[in-house]
PDB file of N, CA and C in Angstrom:
ATOM      1  N   MET A   1      26.520  68.422  33.864  1.00  0.00           N
ATOM      2  CA  MET A   1      25.247  67.768  34.003  1.00  0.00           C
ATOM      3  C   MET A   1      25.197  66.599  33.015  1.00  0.00           C
ATOM      4  N   THR A   2      24.720  65.466  33.485  1.00  0.00           N
ATOM      5  CA  THR A   2      24.619  64.294  32.623  1.00  0.00           C
ATOM      6  C   THR A   2      23.164  64.026  32.255  1.00  0.00           C
ATOM      7  N   THR A   3      23.011  63.432  31.097  1.00  0.00           N
ATOM      8  CA  THR A   3      21.659  63.061  30.676  1.00  0.00           C
ATOM      9  C   THR A   3      21.657  61.579  30.311  1.00  0.00           C
ATOM     10  N   ILE A   4      20.523  60.999  30.447  1.00  0.00           N
ATOM     11  CA  ILE A   4      20.366  59.596  30.073  1.00  0.00           C
ATOM     12  C   ILE A   4      19.306  59.529  28.987  1.00  0.00           C
ATOM     13  N   GLU A   5      19.684  58.913  27.883  1.00  0.00           N
ATOM     14  CA  GLU A   5      18.734  58.783  26.788  1.00  0.00           C
ATOM     15  C   GLU A   5      17.872  57.548  27.038  1.00  0.00           C
ATOM     16  N   THR A   6      16.561  57.747  27.155  1.00  0.00           N
ATOM     17  CA  THR A   6      15.670  56.635  27.479  1.00  0.00           C
ATOM     18  C   THR A   6      14.864  56.145  26.268  1.00  0.00           C
ATOM     19  N   THR A   7      15.036  56.786  25.114  1.00  0.00           N
ATOM     20  CA  THR A   7      14.255  56.388  23.952  1.00  0.00           C
ATOM     21  C   THR A   7      14.968  55.371  23.078  1.00  0.00           C
ATOM     22  N   ARG A   8      16.194  55.107  23.332  1.00  0.00           N
ATOM     23  CA  ARG A   8      16.979  54.171  22.520  1.00  0.00           C
ATOM     24  C   ARG A   8      16.690  52.737  22.961  1.00  0.00           C
ATOM     25  N   THR A   9      16.491  51.859  21.975  1.00  0.00           N
ATOM     26  CA  THR A   9      16.271  50.450  22.300  1.00  0.00           C
ATOM     27  C   THR A   9      17.623  49.759  22.442  1.00  0.00           C
ATOM     28  N   PRO A  10      17.682  48.753  23.267  1.00  0.00           N
ATOM     29  CA  PRO A  10      18.947  48.030  23.417  1.00  0.00           C
ATOM     30  C   PRO A  10      19.384  47.419  22.087  1.00  0.00           C
ATOM     31  N   TYR A  11      20.680  47.353  21.886  1.00  0.00           N
ATOM     32  CA  TYR A  11      21.227  46.826  20.637  1.00  0.00           C
ATOM     33  C   TYR A  11      20.744  45.396  20.416  1.00  0.00           C
ATOM     34  N   GLY A  12      20.223  45.134  19.214  1.00  0.00           N
ATOM     35  CA  GLY A  12      19.787  43.799  18.871  1.00  0.00           C
ATOM     36  C   GLY A  12      18.310  43.544  19.098  1.00  0.00           C
ATOM     37  N   THR A  13      17.645  44.407  19.833  1.00  0.00           N
ATOM     38  CA  THR A  13      16.226  44.195  20.108  1.00  0.00           C
ATOM     39  C   THR A  13      15.409  44.241  18.830  1.00  0.00           C
ATOM     40  N   LEU A  14      15.674  45.195  17.965  1.00  0.00           N
ATOM     41  CA  LEU A  14      14.919  45.303  16.723  1.00  0.00           C
ATOM     42  C   LEU A  14      15.192  44.120  15.806  1.00  0.00           C
ATOM     43  N   ASP A  15      16.421  43.639  15.797  1.00  0.00           N
ATOM     44  CA  ASP A  15      16.749  42.456  15.003  1.00  0.00           C
ATOM     45  C   ASP A  15      15.960  41.247  15.497  1.00  0.00           C
ATOM     46  N   LEU A  16      15.856  41.086  16.791  1.00  0.00           N
ATOM     47  CA  LEU A  16      15.124  39.971  17.375  1.00  0.00           C
ATOM     48  C   LEU A  16      13.642  40.072  17.027  1.00  0.00           C
ATOM     49  N   VAL A  17      13.076  41.251  17.151  1.00  0.00           N
ATOM     50  CA  VAL A  17      11.661  41.457  16.830  1.00  0.00           C
ATOM     51  C   VAL A  17      11.417  41.184  15.344  1.00  0.00           C
ATOM     52  N   ALA A  18      12.317  41.628  14.498  1.00  0.00           N
ATOM     53  CA  ALA A  18      12.169  41.397  13.062  1.00  0.00           C
ATOM     54  C   ALA A  18      12.258  39.903  12.746  1.00  0.00           C
ATOM     55  N   ARG A  19      13.158  39.182  13.397  1.00  0.00           N
ATOM     56  CA  ARG A  19      13.285  37.740  13.170  1.00  0.00           C
ATOM     57  C   ARG A  19      12.059  36.993  13.655  1.00  0.00           C
ATOM     58  N   ILE A  20      11.527  37.389  14.800  1.00  0.00           N
ATOM     59  CA  ILE A  20      10.302  36.758  15.314  1.00  0.00           C
ATOM     60  C   ILE A  20       9.145  37.034  14.370  1.00  0.00           C
ATOM     61  N   ASN A  21       9.039  38.262  13.898  1.00  0.00           N
ATOM     62  CA  ASN A  21       7.976  38.627  12.967  1.00  0.00           C
ATOM     63  C   ASN A  21       8.100  37.847  11.663  1.00  0.00           C
ATOM     64  N   ALA A  22       9.304  37.716  11.140  1.00  0.00           N
ATOM     65  CA  ALA A  22       9.520  36.965   9.900  1.00  0.00           C
ATOM     66  C   ALA A  22       9.162  35.496  10.089  1.00  0.00           C
ATOM     67  N   THR A  23       9.515  34.928  11.222  1.00  0.00           N
ATOM     68  CA  THR A  23       9.172  33.534  11.499  1.00  0.00           C
ATOM     69  C   THR A  23       7.670  33.358  11.602  1.00  0.00           C
ATOM     70  N   LEU A  24       7.014  34.256  12.291  1.00  0.00           N
ATOM     71  CA  LEU A  24       5.560  34.194  12.431  1.00  0.00           C
ATOM     72  C   LEU A  24       4.879  34.325  11.071  1.00  0.00           C
ATOM     73  N   MET A  25       5.347  35.243  10.242  1.00  0.00           N
ATOM     74  CA  MET A  25       4.754  35.425   8.915  1.00  0.00           C
ATOM     75  C   MET A  25       5.013  34.196   8.035  1.00  0.00           C
ATOM     76  N   SER A  26       6.153  33.551   8.210  1.00  0.00           N
ATOM     77  CA  SER A  26       6.456  32.342   7.461  1.00  0.00           C
ATOM     78  C   SER A  26       5.491  31.215   7.853  1.00  0.00           C
ATOM     79  N   VAL A  27       5.223  31.082   9.127  1.00  0.00           N
ATOM     80  CA  VAL A  27       4.290  30.058   9.601  1.00  0.00           C
ATOM     81  C   VAL A  27       2.880  30.350   9.092  1.00  0.00           C
ATOM     82  N   VAL A  28       2.457  31.603   9.168  1.00  0.00           N
ATOM     83  CA  VAL A  28       1.129  31.980   8.673  1.00  0.00           C
ATOM     84  C   VAL A  28       1.034  31.719   7.171  1.00  0.00           C
ATOM     85  N   GLY A  29       2.067  32.031   6.430  1.00  0.00           N
ATOM     86  CA  GLY A  29       2.075  31.783   4.992  1.00  0.00           C
ATOM     87  C   GLY A  29       1.993  30.297   4.669  1.00  0.00           C
ATOM     88  N   ALA A  30       2.709  29.478   5.424  1.00  0.00           N
ATOM     89  CA  ALA A  30       2.683  28.032   5.201  1.00  0.00           C
ATOM     90  C   ALA A  30       1.295  27.461   5.484  1.00  0.00           C
ATOM     91  N   ILE A  31       0.666  27.938   6.543  1.00  0.00           N
ATOM     92  CA  ILE A  31      -0.687  27.482   6.867  1.00  0.00           C
ATOM     93  C   ILE A  31      -1.670  27.920   5.787  1.00  0.00           C
ATOM     94  N   SER A  32      -1.517  29.123   5.295  1.00  0.00           N
ATOM     95  CA  SER A  32      -2.384  29.619   4.230  1.00  0.00           C
ATOM     96  C   SER A  32      -2.217  28.804   2.947  1.00  0.00           C
ATOM     97  N   ASN A  33      -0.984  28.507   2.584  1.00  0.00           N
ATOM     98  CA  ASN A  33      -0.724  27.682   1.396  1.00  0.00           C
ATOM     99  C   ASN A  33      -1.302  26.288   1.548  1.00  0.00           C
ATOM    100  N   TRP A  34      -1.146  25.693   2.723  1.00  0.00           N
ATOM    101  CA  TRP A  34      -1.705  24.371   2.983  1.00  0.00           C
ATOM    102  C   TRP A  34      -3.223  24.393   2.848  1.00  0.00           C
ATOM    103  N   ASN A  35      -3.862  25.419   3.400  1.00  0.00           N
ATOM    104  CA  ASN A  35      -5.319  25.506   3.333  1.00  0.00           C
ATOM    105  C   ASN A  35      -5.802  25.701   1.892  1.00  0.00           C
ATOM    106  N   ASP A  36      -5.099  26.501   1.118  1.00  0.00           N
ATOM    107  CA  ASP A  36      -5.461  26.688  -0.292  1.00  0.00           C
ATOM    108  C   ASP A  36      -5.366  25.366  -1.057  1.00  0.00           C
ATOM    109  N   ALA A  37      -4.298  24.610  -0.824  1.00  0.00           N
ATOM    110  CA  ALA A  37      -4.124  23.320  -1.490  1.00  0.00           C
ATOM    111  C   ALA A  37      -5.214  22.343  -1.059  1.00  0.00           C
ATOM    112  N   ARG A  38      -5.557  22.357   0.218  1.00  0.00           N
ATOM    113  CA  ARG A  38      -6.599  21.478   0.735  1.00  0.00           C
ATOM    114  C   ARG A  38      -7.944  21.791   0.095  1.00  0.00           C
ATOM    115  N   ALA A  39      -8.293  23.075   0.013  1.00  0.00           N
ATOM    116  CA  ALA A  39      -9.566  23.469  -0.585  1.00  0.00           C
ATOM    117  C   ALA A  39      -9.611  23.115  -2.073  1.00  0.00           C
ATOM    118  N   THR A  40      -8.510  23.334  -2.778  1.00  0.00           N
ATOM    119  CA  THR A  40      -8.450  22.983  -4.197  1.00  0.00           C
ATOM    120  C   THR A  40      -8.595  21.484  -4.387  1.00  0.00           C
ATOM    121  N   ARG A  41      -7.870  20.717  -3.570  1.00  0.00           N
ATOM    122  CA  ARG A  41      -7.945  19.255  -3.666  1.00  0.00           C
ATOM    123  C   ARG A  41      -9.368  18.772  -3.413  1.00  0.00           C
ATOM    124  N   ASN A  42     -10.021  19.299  -2.384  1.00  0.00           N
ATOM    125  CA  ASN A  42     -11.390  18.886  -2.079  1.00  0.00           C
ATOM    126  C   ASN A  42     -12.354  19.243  -3.199  1.00  0.00           C
ATOM    127  N   ALA A  43     -12.170  20.403  -3.810  1.00  0.00           N
ATOM    128  CA  ALA A  43     -13.048  20.806  -4.909  1.00  0.00           C
ATOM    129  C   ALA A  43     -12.851  19.891  -6.115  1.00  0.00           C
ATOM    130  N   LEU A  44     -11.614  19.546  -6.422  1.00  0.00           N
ATOM    131  CA  LEU A  44     -11.350  18.686  -7.577  1.00  0.00           C
ATOM    132  C   LEU A  44     -11.798  17.249  -7.333  1.00  0.00           C
ATOM    133  N   VAL A  45     -11.648  16.763  -6.125  1.00  0.00           N
ATOM    134  CA  VAL A  45     -12.078  15.399  -5.806  1.00  0.00           C
ATOM    135  C   VAL A  45     -13.593  15.280  -5.956  1.00  0.00           C
ATOM    136  N   GLY A  46     -14.301  16.376  -5.699  1.00  0.00           N
ATOM    137  CA  GLY A  46     -15.748  16.356  -5.809  1.00  0.00           C
ATOM    138  C   GLY A  46     -16.274  16.346  -7.238  1.00  0.00           C
ATOM    139  N   LEU A  47     -15.404  16.564  -8.214  1.00  0.00           N
ATOM    140  CA  LEU A  47     -15.836  16.570  -9.608  1.00  0.00           C
ATOM    141  C   LEU A  47     -15.908  15.140 -10.154  1.00  0.00           C
ATOM    142  N   SER A  48     -16.793  14.947 -11.116  1.00  0.00           N
ATOM    143  CA  SER A  48     -16.871  13.640 -11.782  1.00  0.00           C
ATOM    144  C   SER A  48     -15.705  13.514 -12.767  1.00  0.00           C
ATOM    145  N   ASP A  49     -15.492  12.294 -13.239  1.00  0.00           N
ATOM    146  CA  ASP A  49     -14.429  12.065 -14.230  1.00  0.00           C
ATOM    147  C   ASP A  49     -14.693  12.872 -15.498  1.00  0.00           C
ATOM    148  N   ARG A  50     -15.942  12.984 -15.863  1.00  0.00           N
ATOM    149  CA  ARG A  50     -16.312  13.757 -17.056  1.00  0.00           C
ATOM    150  C   ARG A  50     -15.981  15.241 -16.854  1.00  0.00           C
ATOM    151  N   GLU A  51     -16.284  15.779 -15.690  1.00  0.00           N
ATOM    152  CA  GLU A  51     -15.983  17.190 -15.411  1.00  0.00           C
ATOM    153  C   GLU A  51     -14.476  17.434 -15.382  1.00  0.00           C
ATOM    154  N   LEU A  52     -13.736  16.503 -14.816  1.00  0.00           N
ATOM    155  CA  LEU A  52     -12.280  16.628 -14.821  1.00  0.00           C
ATOM    156  C   LEU A  52     -11.740  16.599 -16.246  1.00  0.00           C
ATOM    157  N   ASP A  53     -12.295  15.715 -17.070  1.00  0.00           N
ATOM    158  CA  ASP A  53     -11.883  15.629 -18.467  1.00  0.00           C
ATOM    159  C   ASP A  53     -12.177  16.933 -19.200  1.00  0.00           C
ATOM    160  N   ASP A  54     -13.282  17.577 -18.862  1.00  0.00           N
ATOM    161  CA  ASP A  54     -13.634  18.847 -19.498  1.00  0.00           C
ATOM    162  C   ASP A  54     -12.588  19.933 -19.235  1.00  0.00           C
ATOM    163  N   ILE A  55     -11.940  19.888 -18.090  1.00  0.00           N
ATOM    164  CA  ILE A  55     -10.913  20.892 -17.788  1.00  0.00           C
ATOM    165  C   ILE A  55      -9.504  20.356 -18.049  1.00  0.00           C
ATOM    166  N   GLY A  56      -9.435  19.179 -18.664  1.00  0.00           N
ATOM    167  CA  GLY A  56      -8.141  18.641 -19.079  1.00  0.00           C
ATOM    168  C   GLY A  56      -7.359  17.950 -17.994  1.00  0.00           C
ATOM    169  N   LEU A  57      -8.044  17.390 -17.004  1.00  0.00           N
ATOM    170  CA  LEU A  57      -7.367  16.706 -15.906  1.00  0.00           C
ATOM    171  C   LEU A  57      -7.857  15.278 -15.781  1.00  0.00           C
ATOM    172  N   VAL A  58      -7.062  14.464 -15.129  1.00  0.00           N
ATOM    173  CA  VAL A  58      -7.466  13.128 -14.708  1.00  0.00           C
ATOM    174  C   VAL A  58      -7.256  13.069 -13.201  1.00  0.00           C
ATOM    175  N   ARG A  59      -7.813  12.048 -12.572  1.00  0.00           N
ATOM    176  CA  ARG A  59      -7.727  11.954 -11.102  1.00  0.00           C
ATOM    177  C   ARG A  59      -6.280  11.988 -10.603  1.00  0.00           C
ATOM    178  N   GLY A  60      -5.374  11.431 -11.355  1.00  0.00           N
ATOM    179  CA  GLY A  60      -3.969  11.413 -10.952  1.00  0.00           C
ATOM    180  C   GLY A  60      -3.306  12.781 -10.936  1.00  0.00           C
ATOM    181  N   ASP A  61      -3.940  13.765 -11.566  1.00  0.00           N
ATOM    182  CA  ASP A  61      -3.382  15.124 -11.608  1.00  0.00           C
ATOM    183  C   ASP A  61      -3.784  15.978 -10.415  1.00  0.00           C
ATOM    184  N   ILE A  62      -4.743  15.519  -9.618  1.00  0.00           N
ATOM    185  CA  ILE A  62      -5.329  16.358  -8.578  1.00  0.00           C
ATOM    186  C   ILE A  62      -4.284  16.840  -7.579  1.00  0.00           C
ATOM    187  N   ASP A  63      -3.454  15.941  -7.056  1.00  0.00           N
ATOM    188  CA  ASP A  63      -2.439  16.364  -6.068  1.00  0.00           C
ATOM    189  C   ASP A  63      -1.452  17.356  -6.671  1.00  0.00           C
ATOM    190  N   MET A  64      -1.055  17.108  -7.921  1.00  0.00           N
ATOM    191  CA  MET A  64      -0.108  18.005  -8.582  1.00  0.00           C
ATOM    192  C   MET A  64      -0.718  19.406  -8.741  1.00  0.00           C
ATOM    193  N   VAL A  65      -1.963  19.462  -9.168  1.00  0.00           N
ATOM    194  CA  VAL A  65      -2.627  20.751  -9.372  1.00  0.00           C
ATOM    195  C   VAL A  65      -2.848  21.447  -8.030  1.00  0.00           C
ATOM    196  N   ALA A  66      -3.267  20.700  -7.027  1.00  0.00           N
ATOM    197  CA  ALA A  66      -3.517  21.284  -5.703  1.00  0.00           C
ATOM    198  C   ALA A  66      -2.259  21.868  -5.093  1.00  0.00           C
ATOM    199  N   ASN A  67      -1.116  21.270  -5.390  1.00  0.00           N
ATOM    200  CA  ASN A  67       0.151  21.768  -4.850  1.00  0.00           C
ATOM    201  C   ASN A  67       0.782  22.851  -5.699  1.00  0.00           C
ATOM    202  N   GLY A  68       0.100  23.247  -6.774  1.00  0.00           N
ATOM    203  CA  GLY A  68       0.569  24.358  -7.581  1.00  0.00           C
ATOM    204  C   GLY A  68       1.495  23.990  -8.718  1.00  0.00           C
ATOM    205  N   ALA A  69       1.755  22.716  -8.917  1.00  0.00           N
ATOM    206  CA  ALA A  69       2.632  22.301 -10.015  1.00  0.00           C
ATOM    207  C   ALA A  69       1.865  22.327 -11.321  1.00  0.00           C
ATOM    208  N   SER A  70       2.583  22.478 -12.392  1.00  0.00           N
ATOM    209  CA  SER A  70       1.951  22.489 -13.708  1.00  0.00           C
ATOM    210  C   SER A  70       2.627  21.446 -14.573  1.00  0.00           C
ATOM    211  N   ARG A  71       1.848  20.692 -15.303  1.00  0.00           N
ATOM    212  CA  ARG A  71       2.433  19.662 -16.159  1.00  0.00           C
ATOM    213  C   ARG A  71       2.676  20.199 -17.560  1.00  0.00           C
ATOM    214  N   PHE A  72       2.389  21.424 -17.809  1.00  0.00           N
ATOM    215  CA  PHE A  72       2.512  21.999 -19.140  1.00  0.00           C
ATOM    216  C   PHE A  72       3.813  22.737 -19.294  1.00  0.00           C
TER     217      PHE A  72
END
């Protein structure tokens, strides 16, 4: 008597699903990082020069700070 195993996934299917999932998560992460930088940039642009000086920044630092870089 022969049996057929029907619960086994075809070879490579899980690898493909994992790669698709990793790519999707990478895209979601990139969009999230972009949105965080955008919100930070908008908040800093809205500050006066005096307020920026109070936190130790100048207008030229806004893009660097929004992108997560540190000058220190």
